[in-house]
Protein backbone atom coordinates (compact mmCIF):
# COMPACT_ATOMS: atom_id res chain seq x y z
CA MET A 1 96.79 56.89 76.25
CA PRO A 2 97.87 54.77 78.62
CA ARG A 3 96.72 55.60 82.86
CA VAL A 4 100.53 54.79 84.21
CA ILE A 5 101.74 57.90 84.94
CA ASP A 6 105.35 58.38 85.62
CA ILE A 7 106.21 60.44 88.80
CA PRO A 8 108.75 63.08 88.37
CA ARG A 9 111.97 61.81 90.03
CA GLU A 10 112.48 65.75 91.22
CA LEU A 11 109.28 65.91 92.56
CA ALA A 12 110.18 62.97 94.94
CA ALA A 13 113.07 64.16 95.92
CA SER A 14 111.59 67.66 97.55
CA GLN A 15 108.89 65.47 99.16
CA GLU A 16 111.55 63.55 100.87
CA LYS A 17 113.40 66.82 101.35
CA PHE A 18 110.82 68.66 102.73
CA ASN A 19 108.28 66.38 104.11
CA GLY A 20 110.45 62.89 105.21
CA GLU A 21 108.32 59.85 105.61
CA ALA A 22 104.72 62.11 105.06
CA GLY A 23 105.88 63.05 101.53
CA ARG A 24 107.68 59.14 100.89
CA ALA A 25 104.08 58.23 101.69
CA PHE A 26 102.50 60.48 99.48
CA ILE A 27 104.67 59.16 96.22
CA ALA A 28 104.22 56.36 96.88
CA GLY A 29 100.45 56.48 96.78
CA LEU A 30 100.25 59.03 93.98
CA PRO A 31 99.71 55.81 91.04
CA GLU A 32 96.74 54.65 93.17
CA ARG A 33 95.45 58.36 93.82
CA THR A 34 95.81 59.69 89.98
CA ALA A 35 94.13 56.37 88.81
CA ARG A 36 91.63 56.60 91.59
CA PHE A 37 90.61 60.29 90.64
CA LEU A 38 90.41 60.41 86.66
CA ASP A 39 88.11 57.05 87.11
CA HIS A 40 85.83 59.30 90.01
CA TRP A 41 85.76 62.49 87.79
CA ALA A 42 85.79 60.03 84.20
CA LEU A 43 89.30 62.35 83.09
CA GLU A 44 91.90 60.65 80.54
CA PRO A 45 95.06 61.92 80.99
CA ASP A 46 96.45 64.37 78.04
CA GLY A 47 100.09 64.73 78.55
CA PRO A 48 103.09 64.06 80.73
CA PRO A 49 102.96 65.04 83.99
CA MET A 50 104.19 68.36 85.28
CA HIS A 51 104.69 69.37 89.09
CA GLY A 52 106.22 72.37 91.66
CA VAL A 53 107.91 71.49 94.41
CA SER A 54 105.12 69.85 96.67
CA ALA A 55 102.17 68.93 94.14
CA LEU A 56 101.57 66.25 90.59
CA VAL A 57 99.37 68.28 87.65
CA LEU A 58 98.29 65.82 85.16
CA PRO A 59 96.62 67.31 82.11
CA VAL A 60 93.63 66.01 81.40
CA VAL A 61 90.40 65.96 78.96
CA ARG A 62 86.99 65.05 80.44
CA THR A 63 85.79 62.24 78.70
CA ALA A 64 82.27 63.05 78.78
CA ASP A 65 82.46 66.69 76.73
CA GLY A 66 86.00 66.84 75.85
CA THR A 67 86.66 70.29 78.41
CA PRO A 68 90.70 69.97 79.39
CA ALA A 69 91.81 70.26 82.69
CA VAL A 70 94.67 69.49 84.91
CA LEU A 71 94.30 67.48 88.01
CA LYS A 72 96.28 68.59 90.89
CA LEU A 73 97.27 66.05 93.39
CA GLN A 74 99.04 67.16 96.90
CA ILE A 75 99.75 66.71 100.35
CA LEU A 76 97.40 68.07 102.56
CA ASP A 77 98.46 70.77 104.83
CA GLU A 78 97.95 73.82 105.88
CA GLU A 79 98.75 75.43 103.14
CA SER A 80 97.08 73.68 100.61
CA GLU A 81 94.04 73.46 102.60
CA GLY A 82 93.05 76.86 102.22
CA GLU A 83 93.89 76.61 98.22
CA PRO A 84 89.92 75.41 96.59
CA VAL A 85 88.62 78.06 99.79
CA ALA A 86 90.26 81.08 97.63
CA LEU A 87 89.67 79.78 94.39
CA ARG A 88 85.99 79.23 95.11
CA VAL A 89 86.16 82.95 96.36
CA TRP A 90 87.64 84.52 93.23
CA ASP A 91 85.58 82.34 90.60
CA GLY A 92 87.87 82.22 87.91
CA ASP A 93 87.84 86.00 88.46
CA GLY A 94 92.02 87.16 88.26
CA ALA A 95 92.57 83.56 89.00
CA VAL A 96 92.41 80.00 87.31
CA ARG A 97 88.68 78.29 87.57
CA LEU A 98 87.87 75.31 89.92
CA LEU A 99 86.26 72.55 88.53
CA ASP A 100 86.09 70.16 91.03
CA HIS A 101 87.42 69.22 94.25
CA HIS A 102 88.00 66.30 96.75
CA GLU A 103 88.18 67.78 100.48
CA PRO A 104 89.33 65.03 102.10
CA THR A 105 92.70 64.40 99.79
CA GLY A 106 92.23 68.14 98.69
CA THR A 107 92.96 66.83 95.25
CA MET A 108 91.51 70.10 92.88
CA LEU A 109 90.41 69.08 89.07
CA LEU A 110 91.81 72.95 87.55
CA GLU A 111 90.63 74.42 84.22
CA ARG A 112 93.60 74.71 81.91
CA LEU A 113 95.89 77.51 81.64
CA ASP A 114 98.37 77.70 79.14
CA GLU A 115 101.91 76.38 80.58
CA THR A 116 104.08 77.82 78.00
CA ARG A 117 102.94 80.84 78.88
CA MET A 118 104.03 81.86 81.94
CA LEU A 119 104.78 85.50 83.18
CA SER A 120 108.64 84.29 83.76
CA ARG A 121 109.06 84.59 79.95
CA GLU A 122 108.06 88.23 80.03
CA PRO A 123 111.02 90.09 78.80
CA ASP A 124 110.20 93.61 80.57
CA PRO A 125 110.54 92.78 84.06
CA HIS A 126 109.12 96.11 84.59
CA ARG A 127 105.80 94.85 82.89
CA ALA A 128 106.13 91.84 84.73
CA VAL A 129 105.10 93.60 88.19
CA VAL A 130 103.03 95.84 86.50
CA THR A 131 100.86 92.81 85.71
CA ILE A 132 101.43 91.33 89.03
CA ALA A 133 99.95 94.42 90.75
CA GLU A 134 97.30 94.85 88.77
CA LEU A 135 95.90 91.01 89.36
CA LEU A 136 97.20 91.46 93.49
CA ALA A 137 95.32 94.49 93.13
CA HIS A 138 92.01 92.80 92.35
CA LEU A 139 93.02 89.50 94.32
CA THR A 140 92.87 91.49 97.33
CA SER A 141 89.62 93.70 96.70
CA PHE A 142 87.55 90.18 97.78
CA PRO A 143 87.35 89.53 101.86
CA ALA A 144 88.99 87.17 102.91
CA PRO A 145 86.38 84.14 104.05
CA PRO A 146 86.23 82.59 107.71
CA GLY A 147 88.58 79.95 108.21
CA LEU A 148 91.40 80.59 106.59
CA ARG A 149 95.05 81.30 108.25
CA ARG A 150 95.83 84.79 109.16
CA LEU A 151 98.45 86.80 109.13
CA GLY A 152 97.76 88.51 112.84
CA ASP A 153 98.26 84.86 114.15
CA ILE A 154 101.48 84.63 111.79
CA ALA A 155 103.20 88.13 112.49
CA ARG A 156 102.39 87.73 116.47
CA ALA A 157 104.35 83.95 115.89
CA MET A 158 107.14 84.94 114.14
CA LEU A 159 107.57 87.89 116.87
CA ASP A 160 107.67 85.19 119.54
CA LYS A 161 110.87 82.99 117.35
CA THR A 162 112.64 86.28 116.85
CA PRO A 163 114.72 85.99 120.21
CA TRP A 164 115.60 82.39 119.60
CA ALA A 165 116.68 82.99 115.78
CA LEU A 166 118.69 86.53 116.66
CA GLY A 167 120.50 84.27 119.11
CA ARG A 168 121.92 81.67 115.91
CA ILE A 169 121.98 84.43 113.24
CA PRO A 170 126.24 85.13 114.12
CA ASP A 171 126.77 87.71 111.82
CA PRO A 172 125.87 91.53 114.20
CA ALA A 173 124.79 93.38 110.86
CA VAL A 174 122.61 90.68 109.37
CA ARG A 175 121.28 90.63 113.08
CA ARG A 176 120.40 94.22 113.42
CA LEU A 177 118.39 94.13 110.21
CA VAL A 178 116.30 91.17 111.39
CA ALA A 179 115.75 92.57 114.42
CA ASP A 180 114.96 95.64 112.47
CA CYS A 181 112.44 93.96 110.40
CA ALA A 182 110.83 92.36 113.08
CA ALA A 183 110.48 95.97 114.87
CA ALA A 184 108.73 96.88 112.00
CA VAL A 185 106.06 94.09 111.99
CA ARG A 186 105.30 94.80 116.22
CA GLU A 187 104.09 98.09 115.11
CA VAL A 188 101.98 97.18 112.39
CA VAL A 189 100.81 93.22 113.91
CA GLY A 190 98.11 94.88 115.91
CA GLU A 191 96.25 95.77 112.70
CA PRO A 192 96.70 92.43 110.37
CA GLY A 193 93.95 93.12 107.93
CA ASP A 194 91.14 91.02 106.19
CA ARG A 195 91.43 91.04 102.69
CA LEU A 196 91.96 87.45 101.25
CA LEU A 197 95.99 87.33 100.38
CA HIS A 198 97.60 85.13 97.62
CA TRP A 199 101.25 84.91 99.59
CA ASP A 200 102.52 83.47 97.43
CA LEU A 201 102.39 85.42 93.55
CA HIS A 202 105.21 85.04 92.20
CA ASP A 203 106.02 84.88 88.23
CA GLU A 204 105.92 81.79 87.70
CA ASN A 205 102.78 81.68 89.62
CA VAL A 206 101.13 83.55 86.36
CA LEU A 207 100.05 82.31 83.73
CA ALA A 208 97.93 82.97 80.16
CA SER A 209 94.59 81.96 79.36
CA GLY A 210 92.41 82.18 76.07
CA ARG A 211 89.63 83.77 78.36
CA ALA A 212 92.52 86.62 80.14
CA PRO A 213 95.78 87.50 79.16
CA TRP A 214 96.79 86.63 83.22
CA LEU A 215 95.56 84.55 85.86
CA ALA A 216 97.32 83.40 88.89
CA ILE A 217 97.56 79.95 89.98
CA ASP A 218 98.68 77.90 93.04
CA PRO A 219 97.35 80.68 96.24
CA LYS A 220 98.43 79.89 100.17
CA PRO A 221 95.97 82.12 101.14
CA LEU A 222 95.96 84.41 103.69
CA ALA A 223 93.40 86.74 105.61
CA GLY A 224 95.47 89.97 105.86
CA ASP A 225 96.91 93.01 104.91
CA PRO A 226 97.96 93.64 101.31
CA GLY A 227 101.04 95.04 101.91
CA PHE A 228 102.00 91.48 102.99
CA GLU A 229 101.80 90.38 98.94
CA LEU A 230 104.81 92.70 97.56
CA TRP A 231 107.74 90.26 98.62
CA PRO A 232 108.00 88.00 95.56
CA ALA A 233 107.79 90.39 92.80
CA LEU A 234 110.42 92.45 94.23
CA ASP A 235 112.23 88.78 94.69
CA ASN A 236 111.68 87.89 90.85
CA ARG A 237 114.37 88.37 88.08
CA TYR A 238 116.31 89.60 91.70
CA ASP A 239 117.92 93.36 90.00
CA PRO A 240 119.44 96.06 93.18
CA ASP A 241 118.65 98.50 91.58
CA ASP A 242 115.06 98.49 90.78
CA VAL A 243 113.98 97.55 94.04
CA LEU A 244 112.51 100.28 95.01
CA TRP A 245 110.87 101.21 91.37
CA ARG A 246 108.97 97.92 91.94
CA PHE A 247 107.97 98.57 95.48
CA ASP A 248 106.94 102.28 94.52
CA ALA A 249 104.98 100.77 91.30
CA MET A 250 103.02 98.26 93.47
CA THR A 251 102.23 100.50 96.32
CA ASP A 252 101.12 103.18 94.13
CA ILE A 253 98.45 100.32 91.65
CA LEU A 254 97.45 98.70 94.81
CA ALA A 255 97.44 101.94 96.36
CA LEU A 256 98.77 101.13 99.87
CA ASP A 257 99.76 103.03 102.39
CA ARG A 258 103.47 103.22 101.98
CA PRO A 259 105.18 102.51 105.09
CA ARG A 260 102.36 99.77 105.94
CA ALA A 261 103.31 97.64 103.23
CA ARG A 262 107.03 98.74 103.80
CA ALA A 263 106.68 97.24 107.35
CA TRP A 264 104.45 93.98 106.04
CA THR A 265 106.96 93.34 103.45
CA LEU A 266 110.06 93.52 106.21
CA GLY A 267 107.90 90.95 107.84
CA ARG A 268 108.22 88.23 104.52
CA LEU A 269 112.43 88.69 105.41
CA LEU A 270 111.13 88.10 108.78
CA GLN A 271 109.96 84.88 107.48
CA ASN A 272 112.06 83.31 105.44
CA ALA A 273 114.88 84.23 107.73
CA LEU A 274 113.63 82.17 110.69
CA TRP A 275 112.48 79.25 108.11
CA ASP A 276 116.51 79.37 107.07
CA VAL A 277 117.89 79.62 111.11
CA GLU A 278 115.36 77.05 111.58
CA ASP A 279 116.49 74.61 108.73
CA GLY A 280 120.48 75.87 109.16
CA ARG A 281 121.08 77.38 106.36
CA PRO A 282 122.22 80.64 105.50
CA LEU A 283 120.02 83.42 105.10
CA ASP A 284 119.79 84.58 101.52
CA ASP A 285 122.28 87.80 100.60
CA ASP A 286 119.42 88.96 97.89
CA GLN A 287 117.02 88.80 100.34
CA LEU A 288 118.79 90.69 102.99
CA ASP A 289 120.02 92.97 100.29
CA ILE A 290 116.07 94.25 99.36
CA ALA A 291 115.08 94.48 103.35
CA ARG A 292 118.21 96.62 103.50
CA ARG A 293 117.27 98.88 100.58
CA LEU A 294 113.25 98.81 101.75
CA ARG A 295 114.07 100.15 105.92
CA VAL A 296 116.00 102.72 104.85
CA HIS A 297 113.30 104.28 101.65
CA GLY A 298 111.39 107.29 102.70
CA PRO A 299 107.23 107.42 102.27
């Protein structure tokens, strides 16, 4: 198979949008970087490239033994630099296995999972939520290793920025809701937790494998409280009538203190709201509705 790799236009566009000049430089250097690591790890391409918002993922095989794998190339930033750290801690137990890693660039060689069998294709949304909760219960049972981003630092930075953001939200009802979310975070910020968090376990970050029914991919790890993990499964395939069932099911499976979990989940709405305000986007109506429902949900 030829070693000339086509860079997906969608990846180039997302890098331009989110990373500007650094994203353009990353895309321009991807062909050379890809060729470099194919040679470095003795790999051959084994299918068309895939991508998310920020990474190129190339199916490959190891020429020495024919082992299928994927080569993941991405910009090294505060989110991606923790990924190999978390994957080493989990060591394939509930998550994709890290086979090799080039620390200076953040390039990783990962086991190949079945990208055609994604949890987002599970027809029963309740089954999907339970699967995510069971994975999270296992993944967050591990203590966070030193050096990861810490939820306490992130939460305090969010609270510091909240007054600025509130002044830029024109709708008074939305402004009150965001302020309530900040108040909830303020109650728990002093005990941010020390578990290893995935942070982004939505249903497209769970793939099937021959060695396990479901495995997590693409962590953006933090050290913190597992209550901060619930938001993606509430937002996946949003259903207003299902929000509280999902929250209760996940807190039961993870054995979480429900008021604390609610506070940290409202913290995810606060985090998203701050990003939206900073980028000049309107706050998402579905996400606001999730926060409204949780705000009044009793123990």
